[in-house]
Amino acid sequence: MKKTELSKIREMSAEELEKKLADLKEELFNLRFQHAINQLDNPKRLSAVKKEIAVVKTIIRENEIKNAEA
C-alpha cells in the first residue's frame, strides 16, 4: 500500500472507516468464492485485500486509543 493511500485512509472518519472495512470484507468474500470455483483472475488480490483489511482495522484501533486517552 502506498503512503498516499495510507494517508487518505488515516484522514477518514470513523463511519467511513467502518464502511471501507465492510466493503473490503465483502470483496474478500467474493474473491474467496471465485477462488473456490477456479474463476479467480488475480490470486495476489486475495492477500492484498487481507492486508488492506488489517491496515483499516489497525487505524480504527489507533483512533479508539486516541479517543480513550483524550
Protein backbone atom coordinates (compact mmCIF):
# COMPACT_ATOMS: atom_id res chain seq x y z
CA MET A 1 0.00 0.00 0.00
CA LYS A 2 1.36 3.38 -0.98
CA LYS A 3 1.92 6.17 1.51
CA THR A 4 -0.61 8.37 -0.26
CA GLU A 5 -3.30 5.69 0.10
CA LEU A 6 -2.38 5.23 3.74
CA SER A 7 -2.60 8.95 4.47
CA LYS A 8 -6.03 9.09 2.80
CA ILE A 9 -7.22 6.22 5.00
CA ARG A 10 -5.88 7.93 8.13
CA GLU A 11 -7.89 11.07 7.27
CA MET A 12 -11.19 9.17 7.07
CA SER A 13 -13.82 9.47 9.77
CA ALA A 14 -14.88 6.51 11.90
CA GLU A 15 -18.00 5.95 9.79
CA GLU A 16 -16.01 6.00 6.56
CA LEU A 17 -13.52 3.52 8.01
CA GLU A 18 -16.31 1.16 9.03
CA LYS A 19 -17.82 1.43 5.53
CA LYS A 20 -14.45 0.73 3.90
CA LEU A 21 -13.93 -2.25 6.21
CA ALA A 22 -17.32 -3.68 5.27
CA ASP A 23 -16.58 -3.19 1.57
CA LEU A 24 -13.21 -4.90 1.87
CA LYS A 25 -14.72 -7.84 3.76
CA GLU A 26 -17.36 -8.22 1.04
CA GLU A 27 -14.65 -8.11 -1.64
CA LEU A 28 -12.64 -10.73 0.25
CA PHE A 29 -15.70 -12.98 0.44
CA ASN A 30 -16.26 -12.64 -3.31
CA LEU A 31 -12.60 -13.34 -4.06
CA ARG A 32 -12.64 -16.46 -1.89
CA PHE A 33 -15.78 -17.63 -3.66
CA GLN A 34 -14.18 -17.08 -7.07
CA HIS A 35 -11.07 -18.90 -5.87
CA ALA A 36 -13.15 -21.88 -4.74
CA ILE A 37 -14.73 -22.29 -8.16
CA ASN A 38 -11.46 -21.60 -10.02
CA GLN A 39 -12.54 -18.33 -11.61
CA LEU A 40 -10.10 -16.04 -9.79
CA ASP A 41 -8.13 -13.92 -12.29
CA ASN A 42 -5.59 -12.40 -9.89
CA PRO A 43 -4.78 -14.61 -6.88
CA LYS A 44 -2.47 -11.97 -5.41
CA ARG A 45 -5.52 -9.76 -4.86
CA LEU A 46 -6.56 -12.08 -2.01
CA SER A 47 -3.51 -11.25 0.07
CA ALA A 48 -3.69 -7.57 -0.90
CA VAL A 49 -7.27 -7.30 0.36
CA LYS A 50 -6.34 -9.09 3.59
CA LYS A 51 -3.55 -6.58 4.15
CA GLU A 52 -5.88 -3.66 3.44
CA ILE A 53 -8.33 -5.04 6.00
CA ALA A 54 -5.51 -5.26 8.54
CA VAL A 55 -4.49 -1.66 7.86
CA VAL A 56 -8.04 -0.37 8.25
CA LYS A 57 -8.54 -2.33 11.48
CA THR A 58 -5.24 -1.00 12.82
CA ILE A 59 -6.21 2.60 12.08
CA ILE A 60 -9.63 2.08 13.68
CA ARG A 61 -7.93 0.75 16.80
CA GLU A 62 -5.44 3.64 16.87
CA ASN A 63 -8.34 6.09 16.72
CA GLU A 64 -10.11 4.27 19.57
CA ILE A 65 -6.99 4.51 21.73
CA LYS A 66 -6.59 8.23 20.92
CA ASN A 67 -10.20 8.91 21.86
CA ALA A 68 -9.89 6.95 25.10
CA GLU A 69 -6.85 8.97 26.15
CA ALA A 70 -8.44 12.31 25.32
